[in-house]
């Protein structure tokens, strides 16, 4: 399944828009919970670095 960024013009953002294709959560924490991580964790990022790391680690 293509990711949110690919489906929405490739723009790297820290938030997602619920009206767009591929939406899984507005914030990093929302998206982590969507994919099964505990909601009690604090998730932060420096945008492009997280997106690049996440892509590289996808199985």
PDB file of N, CA and C in Angstrom:
ATOM      1  N   UNK A   1       0.843  -1.185   0.000  1.00  0.00           N
ATOM      2  CA  UNK A   1       0.000   0.000   0.000  1.00  0.00           C
ATOM      3  C   UNK A   1       0.885   1.243   0.000  1.00  0.00           C
ATOM      4  N   UNK A   2       0.673   2.165  -0.932  1.00  0.00           N
ATOM      5  CA  UNK A   2       1.456   3.401  -0.947  1.00  0.00           C
ATOM      6  C   UNK A   2       1.229   4.206   0.333  1.00  0.00           C
ATOM      7  N   UNK A   3       2.267   4.935   0.740  1.00  0.00           N
ATOM      8  CA  UNK A   3       2.135   5.699   1.975  1.00  0.00           C
ATOM      9  C   UNK A   3       1.457   7.050   1.757  1.00  0.00           C
ATOM     10  N   UNK A   4       1.109   7.677   2.850  1.00  0.00           N
ATOM     11  CA  UNK A   4       0.386   8.954   2.846  1.00  0.00           C
ATOM     12  C   UNK A   4       1.104  10.000   1.986  1.00  0.00           C
ATOM     13  N   UNK A   5       2.403  10.131   2.178  1.00  0.00           N
ATOM     14  CA  UNK A   5       3.149  11.152   1.440  1.00  0.00           C
ATOM     15  C   UNK A   5       3.130  10.886  -0.058  1.00  0.00           C
ATOM     16  N   UNK A   6       3.349   9.641  -0.443  1.00  0.00           N
ATOM     17  CA  UNK A   6       3.354   9.308  -1.862  1.00  0.00           C
ATOM     18  C   UNK A   6       1.998   9.570  -2.509  1.00  0.00           C
ATOM     19  N   UNK A   7       0.929   9.312  -1.774  1.00  0.00           N
ATOM     20  CA  UNK A   7      -0.409   9.494  -2.315  1.00  0.00           C
ATOM     21  C   UNK A   7      -0.855  10.950  -2.340  1.00  0.00           C
ATOM     22  N   UNK A   8      -0.091  11.808  -1.672  1.00  0.00           N
ATOM     23  CA  UNK A   8      -0.503  13.211  -1.559  1.00  0.00           C
ATOM     24  C   UNK A   8       0.586  14.174  -2.006  1.00  0.00           C
ATOM     25  N   UNK A   9       1.241  13.855  -3.099  1.00  0.00           N
ATOM     26  CA  UNK A   9       2.189  14.768  -3.721  1.00  0.00           C
ATOM     27  C   UNK A   9       3.623  14.697  -3.242  1.00  0.00           C
ATOM     28  N   UNK A  10       3.940  13.807  -2.295  1.00  0.00           N
ATOM     29  CA  UNK A  10       5.309  13.627  -1.851  1.00  0.00           C
ATOM     30  C   UNK A  10       5.820  14.640  -0.844  1.00  0.00           C
ATOM     31  N   UNK A  11       4.984  15.572  -0.421  1.00  0.00           N
ATOM     32  CA  UNK A  11       5.406  16.579   0.548  1.00  0.00           C
ATOM     33  C   UNK A  11       5.609  15.934   1.915  1.00  0.00           C
ATOM     34  N   UNK A  12       6.783  16.154   2.522  1.00  0.00           N
ATOM     35  CA  UNK A  12       7.062  15.631   3.857  1.00  0.00           C
ATOM     36  C   UNK A  12       6.507  16.607   4.878  1.00  0.00           C
ATOM     37  N   UNK A  13       5.599  16.120   5.726  1.00  0.00           N
ATOM     38  CA  UNK A  13       4.986  16.961   6.750  1.00  0.00           C
ATOM     39  C   UNK A  13       5.015  16.248   8.097  1.00  0.00           C
ATOM     40  N   UNK A  14       4.819  16.989   9.159  1.00  0.00           N
ATOM     41  CA  UNK A  14       4.759  16.402  10.492  1.00  0.00           C
ATOM     42  C   UNK A  14       3.353  15.975  10.866  1.00  0.00           C
ATOM     43  N   UNK A  15       2.363  16.412  10.124  1.00  0.00           N
ATOM     44  CA  UNK A  15       0.972  16.068  10.413  1.00  0.00           C
ATOM     45  C   UNK A  15       0.310  15.520   9.159  1.00  0.00           C
ATOM     46  N   UNK A  16      -0.784  14.810   9.357  1.00  0.00           N
ATOM     47  CA  UNK A  16      -1.585  14.318   8.240  1.00  0.00           C
ATOM     48  C   UNK A  16      -2.963  14.964   8.295  1.00  0.00           C
ATOM     49  N   UNK A  17      -3.572  15.094   7.139  1.00  0.00           N
ATOM     50  CA  UNK A  17      -4.906  15.683   7.003  1.00  0.00           C
ATOM     51  C   UNK A  17      -5.914  14.548   6.851  1.00  0.00           C
ATOM     52  N   UNK A  18      -6.896  14.493   7.746  1.00  0.00           N
ATOM     53  CA  UNK A  18      -7.858  13.379   7.740  1.00  0.00           C
ATOM     54  C   UNK A  18      -8.708  13.310   6.488  1.00  0.00           C
ATOM     55  N   UNK A  19      -8.750  14.372   5.693  1.00  0.00           N
ATOM     56  CA  UNK A  19      -9.544  14.354   4.470  1.00  0.00           C
ATOM     57  C   UNK A  19      -8.765  13.790   3.282  1.00  0.00           C
ATOM     58  N   UNK A  20      -7.484  13.458   3.489  1.00  0.00           N
ATOM     59  CA  UNK A  20      -6.653  12.972   2.380  1.00  0.00           C
ATOM     60  C   UNK A  20      -6.498  11.459   2.411  1.00  0.00           C
ATOM     61  N   UNK A  21      -6.224  10.910   1.234  1.00  0.00           N
ATOM     62  CA  UNK A  21      -6.034   9.471   1.050  1.00  0.00           C
ATOM     63  C   UNK A  21      -4.851   8.986   1.889  1.00  0.00           C
ATOM     64  N   UNK A  22      -5.003   7.833   2.511  1.00  0.00           N
ATOM     65  CA  UNK A  22      -3.911   7.224   3.258  1.00  0.00           C
ATOM     66  C   UNK A  22      -3.764   7.702   4.691  1.00  0.00           C
ATOM     67  N   UNK A  23      -4.679   8.528   5.161  1.00  0.00           N
ATOM     68  CA  UNK A  23      -4.615   9.068   6.521  1.00  0.00           C
ATOM     69  C   UNK A  23      -4.601   7.945   7.554  1.00  0.00           C
ATOM     70  N   UNK A  24      -3.647   8.007   8.496  1.00  0.00           N
ATOM     71  CA  UNK A  24      -3.604   7.023   9.587  1.00  0.00           C
ATOM     72  C   UNK A  24      -3.581   7.691  10.957  1.00  0.00           C
ATOM     73  N   UNK A  25      -3.411   9.010  11.013  1.00  0.00           N
ATOM     74  CA  UNK A  25      -3.416   9.730  12.281  1.00  0.00           C
ATOM     75  C   UNK A  25      -2.857  11.122  12.100  1.00  0.00           C
ATOM     76  N   UNK A  26      -3.387  12.070  12.844  1.00  0.00           N
ATOM     77  CA  UNK A  26      -2.976  13.469  12.688  1.00  0.00           C
ATOM     78  C   UNK A  26      -1.554  13.721  13.193  1.00  0.00           C
ATOM     79  N   UNK A  27      -1.160  13.048  14.264  1.00  0.00           N
ATOM     80  CA  UNK A  27       0.151  13.293  14.871  1.00  0.00           C
ATOM     81  C   UNK A  27       1.005  12.034  14.825  1.00  0.00           C
ATOM     82  N   UNK A  28       2.291  12.176  15.176  1.00  0.00           N
ATOM     83  CA  UNK A  28       3.175  11.009  15.232  1.00  0.00           C
ATOM     84  C   UNK A  28       2.622   9.967  16.204  1.00  0.00           C
ATOM     85  N   UNK A  29       2.167  10.425  17.357  1.00  0.00           N
ATOM     86  CA  UNK A  29       1.632   9.496  18.353  1.00  0.00           C
ATOM     87  C   UNK A  29       0.387   8.787  17.833  1.00  0.00           C
ATOM     88  N   UNK A  30      -0.512   9.527  17.172  1.00  0.00           N
ATOM     89  CA  UNK A  30      -1.714   8.912  16.591  1.00  0.00           C
ATOM     90  C   UNK A  30      -1.337   7.817  15.598  1.00  0.00           C
ATOM     91  N   UNK A  31      -0.350   8.099  14.764  1.00  0.00           N
ATOM     92  CA  UNK A  31       0.061   7.119  13.758  1.00  0.00           C
ATOM     93  C   UNK A  31       0.751   5.919  14.398  1.00  0.00           C
ATOM     94  N   UNK A  32       1.546   6.155  15.443  1.00  0.00           N
ATOM     95  CA  UNK A  32       2.199   5.043  16.143  1.00  0.00           C
ATOM     96  C   UNK A  32       1.155   4.114  16.753  1.00  0.00           C
ATOM     97  N   UNK A  33       0.130   4.678  17.380  1.00  0.00           N
ATOM     98  CA  UNK A  33      -0.949   3.882  17.973  1.00  0.00           C
ATOM     99  C   UNK A  33      -1.682   3.103  16.879  1.00  0.00           C
ATOM    100  N   UNK A  34      -1.931   3.735  15.747  1.00  0.00           N
ATOM    101  CA  UNK A  34      -2.605   3.069  14.621  1.00  0.00           C
ATOM    102  C   UNK A  34      -1.858   1.798  14.213  1.00  0.00           C
ATOM    103  N   UNK A  35      -0.517   1.847  14.276  1.00  0.00           N
ATOM    104  CA  UNK A  35       0.293   0.703  13.861  1.00  0.00           C
ATOM    105  C   UNK A  35       0.692  -0.210  15.012  1.00  0.00           C
ATOM    106  N   UNK A  36       0.027  -0.030  16.190  1.00  0.00           N
ATOM    107  CA  UNK A  36       0.193  -0.984  17.272  1.00  0.00           C
ATOM    108  C   UNK A  36       1.163  -0.623  18.380  1.00  0.00           C
ATOM    109  N   UNK A  37       1.769   0.554  18.337  1.00  0.00           N
ATOM    110  CA  UNK A  37       2.662   0.962  19.407  1.00  0.00           C
ATOM    111  C   UNK A  37       1.844   1.516  20.573  1.00  0.00           C
ATOM    112  N   UNK A  38       2.367   1.443  21.796  1.00  0.00           N
ATOM    113  CA  UNK A  38       1.621   1.950  22.951  1.00  0.00           C
ATOM    114  C   UNK A  38       1.390   3.455  22.856  1.00  0.00           C
ATOM    115  N   UNK A  39       0.208   3.890  23.240  1.00  0.00           N
ATOM    116  CA  UNK A  39      -0.132   5.306  23.189  1.00  0.00           C
ATOM    117  C   UNK A  39       0.546   6.129  24.253  1.00  0.00           C
ATOM    118  N   UNK A  40       1.170   5.482  25.231  1.00  0.00           N
ATOM    119  CA  UNK A  40       1.802   6.210  26.318  1.00  0.00           C
ATOM    120  C   UNK A  40       3.189   6.736  25.963  1.00  0.00           C
ATOM    121  N   UNK A  41       3.718   6.335  24.819  1.00  0.00           N
ATOM    122  CA  UNK A  41       5.049   6.788  24.426  1.00  0.00           C
ATOM    123  C   UNK A  41       4.979   8.172  23.800  1.00  0.00           C
ATOM    124  N   UNK A  42       6.006   8.969  24.051  1.00  0.00           N
ATOM    125  CA  UNK A  42       6.114  10.277  23.418  1.00  0.00           C
ATOM    126  C   UNK A  42       6.888  10.106  22.120  1.00  0.00           C
ATOM    127  N   UNK A  43       6.331  10.608  21.047  1.00  0.00           N
ATOM    128  CA  UNK A  43       6.963  10.464  19.742  1.00  0.00           C
ATOM    129  C   UNK A  43       7.273  11.851  19.200  1.00  0.00           C
ATOM    130  N   UNK A  44       8.529  12.066  18.831  1.00  0.00           N
ATOM    131  CA  UNK A  44       8.925  13.342  18.241  1.00  0.00           C
ATOM    132  C   UNK A  44       9.727  13.068  16.982  1.00  0.00           C
ATOM    133  N   UNK A  45       9.968  14.110  16.210  1.00  0.00           N
ATOM    134  CA  UNK A  45      10.688  13.931  14.959  1.00  0.00           C
ATOM    135  C   UNK A  45      11.287  15.223  14.474  1.00  0.00           C
ATOM    136  N   UNK A  46      12.224  15.048  13.570  1.00  0.00           N
ATOM    137  CA  UNK A  46      12.718  16.189  12.829  1.00  0.00           C
ATOM    138  C   UNK A  46      12.358  15.976  11.370  1.00  0.00           C
ATOM    139  N   UNK A  47      11.087  15.734  11.124  1.00  0.00           N
ATOM    140  CA  UNK A  47      10.514  15.651   9.785  1.00  0.00           C
ATOM    141  C   UNK A  47      11.168  14.657   8.849  1.00  0.00           C
ATOM    142  N   UNK A  48      11.951  15.158   7.907  1.00  0.00           N
ATOM    143  CA  UNK A  48      12.522  14.337   6.848  1.00  0.00           C
ATOM    144  C   UNK A  48      13.373  13.197   7.397  1.00  0.00           C
ATOM    145  N   UNK A  49      14.084  13.423   8.488  1.00  0.00           N
ATOM    146  CA  UNK A  49      14.935  12.371   9.053  1.00  0.00           C
ATOM    147  C   UNK A  49      14.094  11.182   9.479  1.00  0.00           C
ATOM    148  N   UNK A  50      12.961  11.417  10.107  1.00  0.00           N
ATOM    149  CA  UNK A  50      12.082  10.325  10.528  1.00  0.00           C
ATOM    150  C   UNK A  50      11.508   9.604   9.316  1.00  0.00           C
ATOM    151  N   UNK A  51      11.062  10.356   8.331  1.00  0.00           N
ATOM    152  CA  UNK A  51      10.469   9.748   7.134  1.00  0.00           C
ATOM    153  C   UNK A  51      11.493   8.862   6.442  1.00  0.00           C
ATOM    154  N   UNK A  52      12.729   9.324   6.330  1.00  0.00           N
ATOM    155  CA  UNK A  52      13.786   8.550   5.678  1.00  0.00           C
ATOM    156  C   UNK A  52      14.089   7.293   6.474  1.00  0.00           C
ATOM    157  N   UNK A  53      14.216   7.418   7.785  1.00  0.00           N
ATOM    158  CA  UNK A  53      14.510   6.269   8.641  1.00  0.00           C
ATOM    159  C   UNK A  53      13.376   5.262   8.593  1.00  0.00           C
ATOM    160  N   UNK A  54      12.139   5.736   8.664  1.00  0.00           N
ATOM    161  CA  UNK A  54      10.987   4.840   8.631  1.00  0.00           C
ATOM    162  C   UNK A  54      10.949   4.060   7.323  1.00  0.00           C
ATOM    163  N   UNK A  55      11.180   4.718   6.204  1.00  0.00           N
ATOM    164  CA  UNK A  55      11.170   4.047   4.905  1.00  0.00           C
ATOM    165  C   UNK A  55      12.236   2.959   4.858  1.00  0.00           C
ATOM    166  N   UNK A  56      13.419   3.253   5.376  1.00  0.00           N
ATOM    167  CA  UNK A  56      14.521   2.317   5.315  1.00  0.00           C
ATOM    168  C   UNK A  56      14.241   1.072   6.161  1.00  0.00           C
ATOM    169  N   UNK A  57      13.461   1.220   7.234  1.00  0.00           N
ATOM    170  CA  UNK A  57      13.217   0.114   8.148  1.00  0.00           C
ATOM    171  C   UNK A  57      11.946  -0.669   7.846  1.00  0.00           C
ATOM    172  N   UNK A  58      11.206  -0.303   6.815  1.00  0.00           N
ATOM    173  CA  UNK A  58       9.982  -1.021   6.463  1.00  0.00           C
ATOM    174  C   UNK A  58      10.354  -2.380   5.890  1.00  0.00           C
ATOM    175  N   UNK A  59       9.685  -3.424   6.363  1.00  0.00           N
ATOM    176  CA  UNK A  59       9.992  -4.779   5.895  1.00  0.00           C
ATOM    177  C   UNK A  59       9.111  -5.125   4.737  1.00  0.00           C
TER     178      UNK A  59
END
